[in-house]
Amino acid sequence: MESNRSIQVPAKRINVIDALRGFALLGVILIHMLQYFGYTPGNLPEAARFPMFDKLIQLLANHVIAGRFINIFSFLFGLSFFIQMDRASKKGIDFRGRFLWRMVILFIIGTIGTIFTYMDILTTYAFFGIILVMLFPLKKWALVLLTCLVLSGLPLMVIVGFDNITFDRTAVVAVTQPLEQFSESEITNLSADESNLYSKGSFLESAKDNLTTKTREKLNFQFRSSTRGYVTFALFIMGFLVGSSGFFEKVNIRRKKNIVLLTGFFITSVVIELIGQIITPENPINLLMHISQGLKVPINSIITSTLNDLGSLAQSGVIAMGFIVLYQSKVLGKYLDILSSYGRMGLTNYEIQNFTGAVLFSTWGLGSILGSLGSTELFLLGLIIYSVQILISKQWMKYFLYGPLEWLWRSGTYMKWQPFKKTKTINI
C-alpha cells in the first residue's frame, strides 16, 4: 500500500510580489495612522509629549512614506491585472468579461470600506481596472505613449485651463502635496464646528459623511485639484507593462541588473530633486488654491508639479527595488519573506487596517481617547497593528488558500464557491 499526500494550492505565485505588496501596506498604515485615518482628532494634547521624535517622524512621513508606498501598491495592482489576463490567455480563455465583473465586486468591497474611512482607495482602483480592460488590446507602444502623456503634466494643464497658464517666469511657483502628505497644522488646527461634530457623530452619521461629502472631496482633490488620481492611473498601466516584460518571472536570476536598476532610480530621483530646487523659488504659492479660484498659474508651477510626480515615482522605484535587492540577499531574505503571507492577504489586511483605524479614531469608536495621541505614539501603534497582522497572516495561510476577502472576491468572480481550506487527500 502506497500513499501520496498532496495539498491543494492556488496557482503558482511569485513570492517577491506578495512580499513587496505586504511591505507597501506598511507605509500605507503608517501614513494613515498619522492622519487618524481621515477622522478629526479630538482631545488634542496642549503640548507635544515627544517633540523631537514627532519632528523626525513628520520628516520621515513627508519625505519617505507619503505617496511613495501607495505608488507601489497601485503599481502592483496593474501587475496583478496582467498576471491574471496572461494566465487566462495561455489557457485559451478571454478573461476580460470576468475581470470586468471582478471590478464590480471590488467596487462593492471598496464602498463598504469607505463606510469606515473615506481614505479607502478600492473604488477608484475598480474604476481604473475597468479602463485597463478597455486598453488591453492596445499595443505596448501605445500604452507607453499614454503613460508618458499622463505623466507629462498634460492632465494638470487641462485642470488649470490652457487660458490660465502664464509664461511669466517672474511669478512665484506653486508646489503641490501628494494626497497622503500632510503638515502638523493640517492635523492640529480644528474649527469649533469640527470639534462639535467630533463629539456628537454617530456611526451612521460618520458613514453617511464618508460616503458623500468626504468622498466628493477626495475625488475632487484627486481629479480636479491635483494630478494624484492620474498618477495612480499611470501606475496601473506601468504595472501592466512591467508584467508583460516578464520582469518578475526573471527577477531571481538578474540580481546584478536589479542593483543597477536600483542605482538608476536613485540617480534619477536625485537629478529630479536638484532640477526642482533650481526652478522653485523660496516662497512658493499654493497651486491648489489657484486652481480652485481659477487664477492664472505660471508655467513653472506646472513643471514643478510634474517634477514632484516624477520624483515621487522615482523614489517609489528606489524603495521597491531596494526591497527586492534585500529580499534576494541570503541574510535578510528569509526574514523579509514573512511579508509574503501578509501580501497574499493584501486585500483583507488593507480593509482590516481601515476598519481598525475607524474604531480607533472615529467619533463612535475610541477617538475621544486616542485622538490625543501625537505622531510618535501613532507611528508606534501603527507598527504594533502591522506586526500583529503579520503574525495572524502567517498563521492563517498555514491552513487556508486565501485570505477571507480574497476568497470571497474569487468566489464572486467565478460565481461559484472556491476551495478555501488547505485539504489533504490520500490516494491509495
Protein backbone atom coordinates (compact mmCIF):
# COMPACT_ATOMS: atom_id res chain seq x y z
CA MET A 1 0.00 0.00 0.00
CA GLU A 2 1.44 3.35 -1.06
CA SER A 3 0.08 6.75 -0.04
CA ASN A 4 0.64 10.06 -1.74
CA ARG A 5 -0.37 13.20 0.15
CA SER A 6 -0.87 16.48 -1.63
CA ILE A 7 -2.09 19.90 -0.51
CA GLN A 8 -4.48 21.81 -2.72
CA VAL A 9 -2.85 25.16 -3.55
CA PRO A 10 -3.68 28.15 -5.78
CA ALA A 11 -1.84 28.91 -9.00
CA LYS A 12 1.91 29.28 -8.57
CA ARG A 13 2.74 32.66 -7.09
CA ILE A 14 5.82 34.86 -7.28
CA ASN A 15 6.69 35.31 -3.61
CA VAL A 16 8.63 38.53 -4.05
CA ILE A 17 5.49 40.23 -5.43
CA ASP A 18 3.47 39.17 -2.39
CA ALA A 19 6.25 40.28 -0.03
CA LEU A 20 6.54 43.64 -1.81
CA ARG A 21 2.78 44.14 -1.54
CA GLY A 22 2.97 43.40 2.17
CA PHE A 23 5.82 45.89 2.53
CA ALA A 24 3.84 48.57 0.65
CA LEU A 25 1.00 48.15 3.14
CA LEU A 26 3.40 49.02 5.95
CA GLY A 27 3.76 52.52 4.53
CA VAL A 28 0.00 52.73 3.94
CA ILE A 29 -0.93 52.01 7.55
CA LEU A 30 1.76 54.30 8.96
CA ILE A 31 0.71 57.32 6.91
CA HIS A 32 -2.97 56.68 7.59
CA MET A 33 -2.29 56.36 11.32
CA LEU A 34 -0.57 59.76 11.26
CA GLN A 35 -3.70 61.13 9.58
CA TYR A 36 -6.04 59.48 12.10
CA PHE A 37 -7.49 57.54 9.14
CA GLY A 38 -9.24 60.67 7.96
CA TYR A 39 -11.07 61.40 11.22
CA THR A 40 -10.90 64.72 13.02
CA PRO A 41 -8.72 64.16 16.10
CA GLY A 42 -10.28 65.08 19.40
CA ASN A 43 -8.90 65.96 22.83
CA LEU A 44 -5.51 67.00 21.42
CA PRO A 45 -2.73 67.47 23.98
CA GLU A 46 -1.81 71.07 24.77
CA ALA A 47 1.87 70.30 24.15
CA ALA A 48 3.64 67.53 22.27
CA ARG A 49 4.84 64.76 24.57
CA PHE A 50 7.74 63.77 22.33
CA PRO A 51 8.54 66.89 20.27
CA MET A 52 11.91 65.71 18.93
CA PHE A 53 10.62 62.29 17.84
CA ASP A 54 7.45 63.88 16.45
CA LYS A 55 9.54 66.09 14.18
CA LEU A 56 11.63 63.17 12.96
CA ILE A 57 8.51 61.14 12.19
CA GLN A 58 6.93 64.09 10.38
CA LEU A 59 10.06 64.36 8.20
CA LEU A 60 10.07 60.60 7.56
CA ALA A 61 6.38 60.66 6.68
CA ASN A 62 6.60 63.63 4.29
CA HIS A 63 9.86 62.76 2.55
CA VAL A 64 9.90 58.94 2.54
CA ILE A 65 6.47 57.43 3.15
CA ALA A 66 3.76 59.78 1.86
CA GLY A 67 2.75 58.97 -1.70
CA ARG A 68 5.65 56.55 -2.24
CA PHE A 69 4.26 53.35 -0.70
CA ILE A 70 0.77 53.82 -2.13
CA ASN A 71 2.50 54.21 -5.51
CA ILE A 72 3.95 50.72 -5.10
CA PHE A 73 0.57 49.34 -4.02
CA SER A 74 -1.08 50.86 -7.11
CA PHE A 75 1.67 49.60 -9.42
CA LEU A 76 1.22 46.06 -8.08
CA PHE A 77 -2.49 46.19 -8.87
CA GLY A 78 -1.71 46.81 -12.54
CA LEU A 79 0.84 43.99 -12.38
CA SER A 80 -1.76 41.61 -10.93
CA PHE A 81 -4.13 42.55 -13.75
CA PHE A 82 -1.57 41.45 -16.33
CA ILE A 83 -0.80 38.20 -14.48
CA GLN A 84 -4.47 37.23 -14.40
CA MET A 85 -5.08 38.13 -18.03
CA ASP A 86 -1.88 36.41 -19.17
CA ARG A 87 -2.54 33.16 -17.32
CA ALA A 88 -6.09 33.02 -18.68
CA SER A 89 -4.81 33.78 -22.20
CA LYS A 90 -2.33 30.88 -22.01
CA LYS A 91 -5.28 28.60 -21.26
CA GLY A 92 -7.14 29.97 -24.26
CA ILE A 93 -9.58 31.95 -22.10
CA ASP A 94 -10.67 35.55 -22.73
CA PHE A 95 -10.72 36.86 -19.15
CA ARG A 96 -11.87 40.40 -19.93
CA GLY A 97 -15.56 39.88 -19.20
CA ARG A 98 -14.77 38.05 -15.98
CA PHE A 99 -12.35 40.79 -14.96
CA LEU A 100 -14.99 43.49 -15.50
CA TRP A 101 -17.30 41.62 -13.15
CA ARG A 102 -14.37 41.25 -10.76
CA MET A 103 -14.04 45.06 -10.71
CA VAL A 104 -17.73 45.42 -9.89
CA ILE A 105 -17.20 43.22 -6.84
CA LEU A 106 -14.10 45.21 -5.89
CA PHE A 107 -16.15 48.41 -6.13
CA ILE A 108 -18.69 46.92 -3.70
CA ILE A 109 -15.91 45.93 -1.28
CA GLY A 110 -14.42 49.42 -1.58
CA THR A 111 -17.80 51.05 -0.94
CA ILE A 112 -18.19 49.04 2.26
CA GLY A 113 -14.65 50.03 3.23
CA THR A 114 -15.49 53.69 2.60
CA ILE A 115 -18.22 53.45 5.23
CA PHE A 116 -15.42 53.19 7.78
CA THR A 117 -12.96 55.63 6.21
CA TYR A 118 -13.20 57.80 3.12
CA MET A 119 -9.46 57.15 2.55
CA ASP A 120 -10.32 53.70 1.18
CA ILE A 121 -8.99 53.69 -2.41
CA LEU A 122 -10.55 50.49 -3.78
CA THR A 123 -13.49 52.14 -5.56
CA THR A 124 -11.01 54.21 -7.58
CA TYR A 125 -8.97 51.07 -8.26
CA ALA A 126 -12.09 49.33 -9.55
CA PHE A 127 -12.77 52.22 -11.95
CA PHE A 128 -9.20 52.15 -13.26
CA GLY A 129 -9.39 48.37 -13.57
CA ILE A 130 -12.34 48.75 -15.94
CA ILE A 131 -10.35 51.22 -18.06
CA LEU A 132 -7.43 48.77 -18.14
CA VAL A 133 -9.68 46.13 -19.64
CA MET A 134 -10.61 48.58 -22.41
CA LEU A 135 -6.93 49.37 -23.01
CA PHE A 136 -5.89 45.71 -23.05
CA PRO A 137 -5.98 45.33 -26.88
CA LEU A 138 -3.62 48.30 -27.40
CA LYS A 139 -0.01 47.75 -28.47
CA LYS A 140 2.73 48.28 -25.91
CA TRP A 141 3.98 51.42 -27.65
CA ALA A 142 0.52 52.95 -27.38
CA LEU A 143 0.38 52.20 -23.65
CA VAL A 144 3.86 53.70 -23.18
CA LEU A 145 2.79 56.82 -25.07
CA LEU A 146 -0.38 57.13 -22.99
CA THR A 147 1.63 56.80 -19.76
CA CYS A 148 4.08 59.49 -20.90
CA LEU A 149 1.20 61.85 -21.72
CA VAL A 150 -0.39 61.29 -18.31
CA LEU A 151 2.90 61.97 -16.52
CA SER A 152 3.93 64.88 -18.76
CA GLY A 153 1.82 67.43 -16.95
CA LEU A 154 -0.93 67.43 -19.59
CA PRO A 155 -3.71 66.50 -17.10
CA LEU A 156 -2.67 69.39 -14.87
CA MET A 157 -2.72 71.77 -17.84
CA VAL A 158 -6.27 70.66 -18.60
CA ILE A 159 -7.25 71.11 -14.94
CA VAL A 160 -5.77 74.61 -14.81
CA GLY A 161 -7.11 75.52 -18.25
CA PHE A 162 -4.78 76.49 -21.07
CA ASP A 163 -6.07 80.08 -20.96
CA ASN A 164 -5.00 80.32 -17.31
CA ILE A 165 -1.39 79.25 -17.91
CA THR A 166 1.02 82.17 -17.97
CA PHE A 167 4.60 82.13 -19.20
CA ASP A 168 5.57 84.96 -16.86
CA ARG A 169 8.64 83.42 -15.22
CA THR A 170 8.72 86.14 -12.58
CA ALA A 171 5.61 84.67 -11.00
CA VAL A 172 6.22 82.52 -7.97
CA VAL A 173 5.93 78.78 -8.40
CA ALA A 174 3.38 76.67 -6.59
CA VAL A 175 4.14 73.34 -5.02
CA THR A 176 1.55 70.64 -4.53
CA GLN A 177 1.45 67.92 -1.88
CA PRO A 178 0.65 64.25 -2.51
CA LEU A 179 -2.72 63.02 -1.30
CA GLU A 180 -1.13 61.40 1.73
CA GLN A 181 1.31 64.17 2.56
CA PHE A 182 0.40 66.36 5.48
CA SER A 183 1.66 69.07 7.76
CA GLU A 184 1.31 69.36 11.50
CA SER A 185 -1.04 72.33 11.14
CA GLU A 186 -3.42 70.27 8.98
CA ILE A 187 -3.72 67.78 11.81
CA THR A 188 -3.89 70.04 14.85
CA ASN A 189 -5.97 73.03 13.71
CA LEU A 190 -9.64 72.31 14.43
CA SER A 191 -12.57 74.64 13.97
CA ALA A 192 -15.33 74.80 16.56
CA ASP A 193 -17.74 73.15 14.13
CA GLU A 194 -15.35 70.24 13.53
CA SER A 195 -14.82 69.73 17.26
CA ASN A 196 -18.58 69.77 17.82
CA LEU A 197 -19.12 67.23 15.03
CA TYR A 198 -16.41 65.06 16.53
CA SER A 199 -18.08 64.92 19.93
CA LYS A 200 -21.56 64.09 18.60
CA GLY A 201 -21.05 61.99 15.46
CA SER A 202 -22.65 58.54 15.46
CA PHE A 203 -21.68 55.58 13.29
CA LEU A 204 -24.49 56.27 10.81
CA GLU A 205 -23.62 59.98 10.61
CA SER A 206 -19.96 59.12 10.10
CA ALA A 207 -20.77 56.53 7.42
CA LYS A 208 -23.02 58.98 5.56
CA ASP A 209 -20.33 61.67 5.70
CA ASN A 210 -17.66 59.27 4.41
CA LEU A 211 -19.83 58.06 1.53
CA THR A 212 -21.00 61.50 0.45
CA THR A 213 -19.20 64.70 1.45
CA LYS A 214 -15.75 63.29 2.11
CA THR A 215 -15.80 61.04 -0.95
CA ARG A 216 -16.70 64.03 -3.13
CA GLU A 217 -13.84 66.00 -1.58
CA LYS A 218 -11.44 63.09 -2.16
CA LEU A 219 -12.42 62.72 -5.81
CA ASN A 220 -12.30 66.48 -6.30
CA PHE A 221 -8.75 66.53 -4.94
CA GLN A 222 -7.58 63.53 -6.97
CA PHE A 223 -9.02 64.58 -10.34
CA ARG A 224 -9.85 68.31 -10.29
CA SER A 225 -7.39 69.94 -7.90
CA SER A 226 -4.30 67.78 -8.38
CA THR A 227 -2.80 65.00 -10.50
CA ARG A 228 -2.88 62.31 -7.79
CA GLY A 229 -5.60 60.28 -9.49
CA TYR A 230 -3.93 60.49 -12.90
CA VAL A 231 -0.61 59.35 -11.47
CA THR A 232 -2.38 56.34 -9.95
CA PHE A 233 -3.82 55.51 -13.36
CA ALA A 234 -0.34 55.76 -14.92
CA LEU A 235 0.96 53.37 -12.26
CA PHE A 236 -1.71 50.83 -13.24
CA ILE A 237 -0.51 50.93 -16.84
CA MET A 238 3.14 50.76 -15.74
CA GLY A 239 2.38 47.67 -13.65
CA PHE A 240 0.75 46.07 -16.69
CA LEU A 241 3.73 46.93 -18.91
CA VAL A 242 6.31 45.63 -16.43
CA GLY A 243 4.28 42.44 -16.08
CA SER A 244 4.22 41.93 -19.85
CA SER A 245 8.02 42.34 -19.94
CA GLY A 246 8.44 39.26 -17.74
CA PHE A 247 10.50 41.24 -15.22
CA PHE A 248 9.26 39.46 -12.11
CA GLU A 249 9.48 35.99 -13.67
CA LYS A 250 13.21 36.65 -14.18
CA VAL A 251 13.82 38.74 -11.08
CA ASN A 252 15.60 35.94 -9.21
CA ILE A 253 18.19 35.40 -11.93
CA ARG A 254 19.02 39.02 -12.63
CA ARG A 255 20.28 40.18 -9.25
CA LYS A 256 23.12 42.32 -10.59
CA LYS A 257 20.73 44.02 -13.01
CA ASN A 258 18.40 44.71 -10.07
CA ILE A 259 21.19 46.61 -8.31
CA VAL A 260 21.85 48.58 -11.50
CA LEU A 261 18.13 49.41 -11.72
CA LEU A 262 18.11 50.47 -8.07
CA THR A 263 21.06 52.77 -8.75
CA GLY A 264 19.30 54.18 -11.81
CA PHE A 265 16.17 55.03 -9.81
CA PHE A 266 18.28 56.66 -7.10
CA ILE A 267 20.24 58.82 -9.56
CA THR A 268 17.01 59.80 -11.33
CA SER A 269 15.36 60.86 -8.07
CA VAL A 270 18.40 62.96 -7.11
CA VAL A 271 18.52 64.66 -10.53
CA ILE A 272 14.79 65.46 -10.41
CA GLU A 273 15.17 66.86 -6.90
CA LEU A 274 18.06 69.10 -7.98
CA ILE A 275 16.16 70.40 -11.02
CA GLY A 276 13.15 71.09 -8.81
CA GLN A 277 15.24 73.11 -6.37
CA ILE A 278 16.69 75.18 -9.22
CA ILE A 279 13.35 76.25 -10.69
CA THR A 280 11.38 76.56 -7.43
CA PRO A 281 11.57 79.93 -5.59
CA GLU A 282 11.89 80.28 -1.83
CA ASN A 283 8.27 81.27 -1.23
CA PRO A 284 6.01 79.11 -3.41
CA ILE A 285 2.29 79.81 -3.57
CA ASN A 286 -0.46 77.22 -3.20
CA LEU A 287 -1.28 75.69 -6.57
CA LEU A 288 -4.46 74.03 -5.29
CA MET A 289 -5.80 77.42 -4.22
CA HIS A 290 -5.04 78.92 -7.64
CA ILE A 291 -6.82 76.07 -9.39
CA SER A 292 -9.91 76.30 -7.16
CA GLN A 293 -10.15 80.06 -7.67
CA GLY A 294 -9.46 79.94 -11.41
CA LEU A 295 -6.39 82.18 -11.11
CA LYS A 296 -3.52 82.44 -13.54
CA VAL A 297 -0.87 79.75 -12.99
CA PRO A 298 2.78 80.23 -14.08
CA ILE A 299 4.20 77.53 -16.33
CA ASN A 300 6.89 76.96 -13.69
CA SER A 301 4.15 75.67 -11.42
CA ILE A 302 3.13 73.07 -13.98
CA ILE A 303 6.75 71.98 -14.42
CA THR A 304 7.34 71.83 -10.67
CA SER A 305 4.21 69.77 -10.08
CA THR A 306 5.20 67.36 -12.85
CA LEU A 307 8.69 67.04 -11.39
CA ASN A 308 7.13 66.31 -7.99
CA ASP A 309 5.11 63.48 -9.53
CA LEU A 310 8.11 62.07 -11.40
CA GLY A 311 10.31 62.41 -8.31
CA SER A 312 7.76 60.56 -6.21
CA LEU A 313 7.66 57.74 -8.79
CA ALA A 314 11.47 57.53 -8.87
CA GLN A 315 11.60 57.40 -5.08
CA SER A 316 8.98 54.65 -5.09
CA GLY A 317 11.25 52.81 -7.53
CA VAL A 318 14.17 53.18 -5.11
CA ILE A 319 12.09 51.77 -2.25
CA ALA A 320 10.67 48.88 -4.32
CA MET A 321 13.99 47.87 -5.89
CA GLY A 322 15.77 48.31 -2.56
CA PHE A 323 13.30 45.88 -1.02
CA ILE A 324 13.75 43.40 -3.89
CA VAL A 325 17.54 43.52 -3.59
CA LEU A 326 17.36 42.94 0.17
CA TYR A 327 14.78 40.20 -0.32
CA GLN A 328 17.23 38.36 -2.54
CA SER A 329 20.06 38.56 -0.01
CA LYS A 330 20.82 35.42 1.99
CA VAL A 331 20.99 37.31 5.27
CA LEU A 332 17.74 39.29 5.15
CA GLY A 333 15.72 37.40 2.56
CA LYS A 334 14.40 34.74 4.93
CA TYR A 335 13.18 37.43 7.34
CA LEU A 336 11.54 39.59 4.68
CA ASP A 337 9.76 36.55 3.25
CA ILE A 338 7.47 36.63 6.28
CA LEU A 339 5.75 39.52 4.48
CA SER A 340 4.68 37.25 1.62
CA SER A 341 1.82 35.83 3.70
CA TYR A 342 0.78 39.35 4.58
CA GLY A 343 0.86 40.35 0.89
CA ARG A 344 -1.13 37.31 -0.22
CA MET A 345 -3.86 38.62 2.08
CA GLY A 346 -3.29 42.19 0.87
CA LEU A 347 -6.97 42.99 0.26
CA THR A 348 -8.05 41.58 3.63
CA ASN A 349 -5.23 43.29 5.52
CA TYR A 350 -5.87 46.62 3.79
CA GLU A 351 -9.53 46.60 4.80
CA ILE A 352 -8.68 45.42 8.33
CA GLN A 353 -6.36 48.43 8.57
CA ASN A 354 -9.22 50.73 7.59
CA PHE A 355 -11.71 49.12 9.97
CA THR A 356 -9.19 49.22 12.83
CA GLY A 357 -8.42 52.88 12.11
CA ALA A 358 -12.11 53.75 12.19
CA VAL A 359 -12.57 52.00 15.55
CA LEU A 360 -9.52 53.75 17.00
CA PHE A 361 -10.20 57.32 15.82
CA SER A 362 -13.88 57.72 14.94
CA THR A 363 -16.49 59.54 16.97
CA TRP A 364 -18.35 56.30 17.55
CA GLY A 365 -15.17 54.42 18.50
CA LEU A 366 -12.21 55.31 20.69
CA GLY A 367 -11.48 58.67 19.07
CA SER A 368 -12.22 60.69 22.19
CA ILE A 369 -9.41 58.78 23.91
CA LEU A 370 -6.86 58.04 21.18
CA GLY A 371 -7.41 61.31 19.33
CA SER A 372 -4.93 62.86 21.74
CA LEU A 373 -2.03 60.70 20.53
CA GLY A 374 0.87 62.51 18.90
CA SER A 375 2.90 61.46 15.88
CA THR A 376 5.29 59.26 17.85
CA GLU A 377 2.54 57.29 19.58
CA LEU A 378 0.57 56.97 16.35
CA PHE A 379 3.64 55.70 14.50
CA LEU A 380 4.41 53.09 17.15
CA LEU A 381 0.77 52.00 17.35
CA GLY A 382 0.78 51.56 13.58
CA LEU A 383 3.86 49.32 13.82
CA ILE A 384 2.17 47.23 16.52
CA ILE A 385 -1.01 46.75 14.46
CA TYR A 386 1.07 45.85 11.41
CA SER A 387 3.14 43.33 13.40
CA VAL A 388 0.01 41.66 14.77
CA GLN A 389 -1.37 41.43 11.23
CA ILE A 390 1.86 39.76 10.09
CA LEU A 391 1.60 37.07 12.78
CA ILE A 392 -2.09 36.44 12.06
CA SER A 393 -1.47 36.30 8.29
CA LYS A 394 1.34 33.79 8.70
CA GLN A 395 -0.84 31.51 10.81
CA TRP A 396 -3.87 31.95 8.55
CA MET A 397 -2.01 30.97 5.39
CA LYS A 398 -0.90 27.70 7.02
CA TYR A 399 -4.49 26.48 6.92
CA PHE A 400 -6.21 28.43 4.15
CA LEU A 401 -5.58 29.01 0.46
CA TYR A 402 -6.68 32.66 0.52
CA GLY A 403 -7.44 35.49 2.88
CA PRO A 404 -11.17 35.88 3.75
CA LEU A 405 -11.82 38.78 1.36
CA GLU A 406 -9.61 37.26 -1.34
CA TRP A 407 -11.68 34.08 -1.16
CA LEU A 408 -14.98 35.97 -1.34
CA TRP A 409 -13.67 38.05 -4.23
CA ARG A 410 -12.51 34.96 -6.10
CA SER A 411 -15.76 33.09 -5.42
CA GLY A 412 -17.79 36.07 -6.59
CA THR A 413 -15.64 36.39 -9.72
CA TYR A 414 -16.41 32.82 -10.81
CA MET A 415 -19.93 32.81 -9.32
CA LYS A 416 -19.05 29.61 -7.51
CA TRP A 417 -17.66 28.85 -4.07
CA GLN A 418 -13.94 28.29 -4.44
CA PRO A 419 -11.79 25.92 -2.34
CA PHE A 420 -10.86 27.68 0.90
CA LYS A 421 -9.10 25.35 3.29
CA LYS A 422 -5.88 23.52 2.51
CA THR A 423 -7.16 19.97 2.44
CA LYS A 424 -5.11 16.79 2.29
CA THR A 425 -6.16 13.95 0.07
CA ILE A 426 -4.91 10.37 0.40
CA ASN A 427 -4.53 8.22 -2.70
CA ILE A 428 -4.11 4.51 -2.04
